[in-house]
Amino acid sequence: MFDLFNKKKPLSEVFPFDFVDIHSHLLPGIDDGAKNLKESISLIEKMDSYGIQNFITTPHILGNVWPNSSDIILDTLELVQEELERRDLSHIKIDAAAEYILDEQFCELLKKRDLLTLKDDALLVELSYFNAPVNLFDILFDIQLAGYRPILAHPERYNFYHNNLDIYQKLKNAGCRFQLNLLSLTGYYGESTKKIAEKLVKLDMIDFVGSDAHHHRHLEALKGLGTKKTIEKISPLLKKNLSFL
């Protein structure tokens, strides 16, 4: 039931059974997410307490900043899986894909078909927060020509699109599916991002959601999802992620 003081439900009553978090940064030491294995497990245990037990975690692949490869990601995933098993947390299922920024390096990986997908042909991609690549729609076309279906991570967070709502429909028309960061609906990233997130939800343009959890501050902020108004918004969206089981 709702807390009588802050009118929020605990997250364990918000997330449906078998919810799959398809966007997070839980692998240790390879991007700006978990710093080490201890922190990885701590984050996963906290999310477990929220009722989230299924993860497809998605470390960044970004040039020389986070020069991850499929092998690096899968080797690091194995370390986390082994530690979960060692701690008798085998009820938690974690797999890994990647969050690919659309740049020249990505185009090379695409040519080689050296990409980790969320499931089947579902490929999580992102844009720079400064601007989109000038050939964005060409890249989206090439992704689909290669047999993948792009899912654009957190479209509501690209401020350069906030005054151009038409671009979201153009991206959808170009074959992009949208993954919303749940934190966007709490105001964590600012009011402008929250308004765009709510607009995209209202227009039924959101296909999937994710925590995009990097650290415990994100997990604390997620508690803001427990309000009655927000639960009404996200409940149908949370169910969409069950397709990744």
Protein backbone atom coordinates (compact mmCIF):
# COMPACT_ATOMS: atom_id res chain seq x y z
CA MET A 1 0.00 0.00 0.00
CA PHE A 2 1.05 3.64 -0.38
CA ASP A 3 3.23 5.17 2.31
CA LEU A 4 0.94 7.47 4.31
CA PHE A 5 3.60 10.18 4.56
CA ASN A 6 5.16 10.45 1.10
CA LYS A 7 2.42 8.71 -0.91
CA LYS A 8 4.93 6.43 -2.66
CA LYS A 9 4.85 2.71 -3.27
CA PRO A 10 8.02 0.71 -2.68
CA LEU A 11 9.58 -0.19 -6.02
CA SER A 12 9.18 -3.89 -5.25
CA GLU A 13 5.46 -3.26 -5.84
CA VAL A 14 6.01 -1.23 -9.01
CA PHE A 15 8.13 -3.48 -11.24
CA PRO A 16 6.30 -6.49 -12.68
CA PHE A 17 7.58 -10.00 -12.11
CA ASP A 18 10.24 -10.88 -14.71
CA PHE A 19 10.84 -7.23 -15.66
CA VAL A 20 14.06 -6.98 -17.70
CA ASP A 21 16.22 -3.90 -17.29
CA ILE A 22 17.73 -3.48 -20.77
CA HIS A 23 19.95 -0.46 -20.08
CA SER A 24 22.46 -0.21 -17.23
CA HIS A 25 26.16 0.07 -16.51
CA LEU A 26 26.77 -2.69 -13.99
CA LEU A 27 29.96 -4.33 -15.26
CA PRO A 28 33.00 -3.35 -13.20
CA GLY A 29 35.71 -0.97 -14.32
CA ILE A 30 35.05 -0.73 -18.05
CA ASP A 31 33.03 2.48 -18.35
CA ASP A 32 31.54 5.20 -16.12
CA GLY A 33 29.35 2.71 -14.26
CA ALA A 34 30.36 0.32 -11.48
CA LYS A 35 33.96 0.94 -10.47
CA ASN A 36 34.78 -2.57 -9.26
CA LEU A 37 33.24 -5.99 -8.71
CA LYS A 38 32.14 -5.14 -5.17
CA GLU A 39 30.18 -2.14 -6.45
CA SER A 40 28.68 -4.21 -9.28
CA ILE A 41 27.27 -6.70 -6.80
CA SER A 42 26.09 -3.94 -4.47
CA LEU A 43 24.16 -2.26 -7.28
CA ILE A 44 22.63 -5.54 -8.42
CA GLU A 45 21.59 -6.45 -4.88
CA LYS A 46 19.92 -3.06 -4.45
CA MET A 47 18.01 -3.51 -7.69
CA ASP A 48 17.08 -7.01 -6.58
CA SER A 49 15.47 -5.40 -3.52
CA TYR A 50 13.41 -3.31 -5.96
CA GLY A 51 12.13 -6.49 -7.61
CA ILE A 52 14.46 -6.35 -10.62
CA GLN A 53 16.20 -9.68 -11.16
CA ASN A 54 16.77 -9.74 -14.92
CA PHE A 55 19.39 -7.57 -16.57
CA ILE A 56 20.89 -7.00 -19.98
CA THR A 57 23.60 -4.59 -18.96
CA THR A 58 25.00 -2.26 -21.60
CA PRO A 59 28.49 -0.77 -21.15
CA HIS A 60 29.47 2.12 -23.38
CA ILE A 61 31.60 1.65 -26.44
CA LEU A 62 33.05 5.07 -27.21
CA GLY A 63 36.32 5.56 -29.10
CA ASN A 64 39.37 5.96 -26.88
CA VAL A 65 37.25 7.02 -23.91
CA TRP A 66 35.73 3.56 -23.33
CA PRO A 67 37.44 1.36 -25.91
CA ASN A 68 35.46 -1.74 -25.08
CA SER A 69 35.17 -4.72 -27.38
CA SER A 70 32.76 -7.62 -27.44
CA ASP A 71 35.43 -9.82 -25.84
CA ILE A 72 36.13 -7.35 -23.02
CA ILE A 73 32.44 -7.03 -22.24
CA LEU A 74 31.74 -10.76 -22.27
CA ASP A 75 34.83 -11.58 -20.19
CA THR A 76 33.80 -8.98 -17.59
CA LEU A 77 30.25 -10.28 -17.61
CA GLU A 78 31.57 -13.74 -16.77
CA LEU A 79 33.32 -12.35 -13.68
CA VAL A 80 30.04 -10.87 -12.44
CA GLN A 81 28.10 -14.04 -13.16
CA GLU A 82 30.66 -16.12 -11.27
CA GLU A 83 30.53 -13.75 -8.29
CA LEU A 84 26.74 -13.89 -8.20
CA GLU A 85 26.93 -17.67 -8.21
CA ARG A 86 29.55 -17.62 -5.45
CA ARG A 87 27.28 -15.43 -3.32
CA ASP A 88 24.29 -17.71 -3.86
CA LEU A 89 22.52 -15.08 -5.95
CA SER A 90 21.84 -17.38 -8.88
CA HIS A 91 18.20 -16.22 -9.03
CA ILE A 92 19.58 -13.04 -10.65
CA LYS A 93 20.02 -13.36 -14.39
CA ILE A 94 22.46 -10.99 -16.06
CA ASP A 95 23.54 -10.86 -19.68
CA ALA A 96 25.34 -8.12 -21.58
CA ALA A 97 25.07 -6.17 -24.79
CA ALA A 98 26.49 -2.68 -25.35
CA GLU A 99 25.45 0.93 -25.78
CA TYR A 100 27.00 2.05 -29.06
CA ILE A 101 27.54 5.71 -29.80
CA LEU A 102 26.95 6.37 -33.49
CA ASP A 103 30.41 7.44 -34.66
CA GLU A 104 33.05 6.30 -37.15
CA GLN A 105 34.22 3.46 -34.92
CA PHE A 106 30.67 2.15 -34.72
CA CYS A 107 30.44 2.15 -38.52
CA GLU A 108 33.55 -0.03 -38.65
CA LEU A 109 32.09 -2.46 -36.11
CA LEU A 110 28.88 -2.55 -38.14
CA LYS A 111 30.81 -3.52 -41.27
CA LYS A 112 32.40 -6.39 -39.34
CA ARG A 113 29.07 -7.39 -37.72
CA ASP A 114 30.98 -7.28 -34.42
CA LEU A 115 28.07 -6.08 -32.30
CA LEU A 116 26.39 -7.28 -29.12
CA THR A 117 22.61 -7.11 -29.30
CA LEU A 118 20.05 -6.96 -26.50
CA LYS A 119 18.22 -9.88 -28.05
CA ASP A 120 18.13 -11.19 -31.60
CA ASP A 121 18.49 -8.09 -33.84
CA ALA A 122 17.81 -5.41 -31.18
CA LEU A 123 20.75 -3.00 -31.06
CA LEU A 124 21.04 -0.25 -28.42
CA VAL A 125 22.55 2.96 -29.82
CA GLU A 126 23.04 6.48 -28.52
CA LEU A 127 23.97 9.94 -29.76
CA SER A 128 26.44 12.46 -28.43
CA TYR A 129 24.78 14.87 -25.99
CA PHE A 130 26.24 17.75 -28.01
CA ASN A 131 24.79 16.95 -31.43
CA ALA A 132 23.65 14.15 -33.69
CA PRO A 133 25.92 12.94 -36.51
CA VAL A 134 25.19 14.75 -39.76
CA ASN A 135 24.67 11.38 -41.45
CA LEU A 136 22.42 9.99 -38.70
CA PHE A 137 19.69 8.77 -41.02
CA ASP A 138 22.23 7.11 -43.31
CA ILE A 139 23.66 5.24 -40.32
CA LEU A 140 20.19 4.14 -39.22
CA PHE A 141 19.56 2.86 -42.74
CA ASP A 142 22.87 0.97 -42.76
CA ILE A 143 22.09 -0.61 -39.38
CA GLN A 144 18.86 -2.04 -40.75
CA LEU A 145 20.47 -3.03 -44.03
CA ALA A 146 22.93 -5.09 -41.97
CA GLY A 147 20.05 -6.93 -40.31
CA TYR A 148 19.76 -5.06 -37.00
CA ARG A 149 16.92 -2.99 -35.54
CA PRO A 150 18.11 0.15 -33.75
CA ILE A 151 16.81 1.14 -30.33
CA LEU A 152 17.73 4.72 -29.49
CA ALA A 153 18.72 5.10 -25.86
CA HIS A 154 17.11 7.94 -23.90
CA PRO A 155 15.84 10.10 -26.81
CA GLU A 156 14.39 12.50 -24.24
CA ARG A 157 17.89 13.45 -23.06
CA TYR A 158 19.12 14.98 -26.32
CA ASN A 159 18.55 18.65 -25.57
CA PHE A 160 19.21 19.69 -29.16
CA TYR A 161 15.94 17.97 -30.10
CA HIS A 162 13.78 19.52 -27.39
CA ASN A 163 12.55 22.36 -29.60
CA ASN A 164 11.99 20.13 -32.60
CA LEU A 165 9.43 17.48 -31.73
CA ASP A 166 9.01 16.58 -35.40
CA ILE A 167 12.44 14.93 -35.34
CA TYR A 168 11.14 12.22 -33.03
CA GLN A 169 8.55 11.17 -35.58
CA LYS A 170 11.19 11.25 -38.31
CA LEU A 171 13.37 8.94 -36.24
CA LYS A 172 10.46 6.57 -35.70
CA ASN A 173 9.68 6.64 -39.41
CA ALA A 174 13.33 5.79 -40.07
CA GLY A 175 12.96 2.56 -38.10
CA CYS A 176 14.17 3.70 -34.68
CA ARG A 177 12.57 2.34 -31.55
CA PHE A 178 12.86 4.42 -28.37
CA GLN A 179 14.10 3.44 -24.92
CA LEU A 180 13.15 5.86 -22.17
CA ASN A 181 15.25 6.33 -19.05
CA LEU A 182 12.90 5.84 -16.11
CA LEU A 183 14.80 8.50 -14.17
CA SER A 184 13.71 11.08 -16.74
CA LEU A 185 10.16 10.89 -15.38
CA THR A 186 11.39 11.73 -11.87
CA GLY A 187 12.99 15.02 -12.96
CA TYR A 188 16.47 13.67 -12.21
CA TYR A 189 17.89 15.10 -15.45
CA GLY A 190 15.99 18.38 -15.22
CA GLU A 191 12.54 19.71 -16.01
CA SER A 192 13.09 20.07 -19.75
CA THR A 193 14.00 16.40 -20.08
CA LYS A 194 11.06 15.41 -17.87
CA LYS A 195 8.62 17.36 -20.05
CA ILE A 196 9.90 15.73 -23.24
CA ALA A 197 9.80 12.31 -21.60
CA GLU A 198 6.18 12.84 -20.57
CA LYS A 199 5.35 14.09 -24.06
CA LEU A 200 6.86 11.00 -25.73
CA VAL A 201 4.97 8.75 -23.31
CA LYS A 202 1.71 10.59 -23.98
CA LEU A 203 2.24 10.24 -27.74
CA ASP A 204 2.83 6.49 -27.29
CA MET A 205 6.29 6.75 -28.84
CA ILE A 206 8.19 4.84 -26.15
CA ASP A 207 8.89 1.19 -26.93
CA PHE A 208 10.99 0.17 -23.93
CA VAL A 209 12.38 1.53 -20.67
CA GLY A 210 15.60 1.14 -18.72
CA SER A 211 17.21 2.29 -15.51
CA ASP A 212 20.48 3.46 -17.09
CA ALA A 213 21.86 2.84 -13.59
CA HIS A 214 25.49 3.82 -13.14
CA HIS A 215 25.75 4.21 -9.35
CA HIS A 216 23.77 4.23 -6.11
CA ARG A 217 22.64 7.84 -6.57
CA HIS A 218 20.67 6.68 -9.58
CA LEU A 219 19.10 3.87 -7.57
CA GLU A 220 18.08 6.23 -4.78
CA ALA A 221 16.52 8.59 -7.32
CA LEU A 222 14.55 5.69 -8.84
CA LYS A 223 12.42 5.65 -5.68
CA GLY A 224 10.73 8.75 -7.11
CA LEU A 225 8.90 6.44 -9.53
CA GLY A 226 6.65 5.24 -6.72
CA THR A 227 4.08 8.05 -6.93
CA LYS A 228 0.58 7.16 -8.09
CA LYS A 229 0.79 9.53 -11.08
CA THR A 230 4.10 8.14 -12.28
CA ILE A 231 3.08 4.51 -11.76
CA GLU A 232 0.07 5.09 -14.03
CA LYS A 233 2.44 6.38 -16.73
CA ILE A 234 5.05 3.65 -16.54
CA SER A 235 3.04 0.48 -15.82
CA PRO A 236 2.22 -0.20 -19.51
CA LEU A 237 5.83 0.64 -20.46
CA LEU A 238 7.33 -1.76 -17.92
CA LYS A 239 5.35 -4.62 -19.43
CA LYS A 240 6.88 -3.96 -22.87
CA ASN A 241 10.27 -5.03 -21.55
CA LEU A 242 8.99 -8.55 -20.89
CA SER A 243 9.64 -9.24 -24.58
CA PHE A 244 13.36 -9.44 -23.71
CA LEU A 245 12.95 -12.52 -21.53
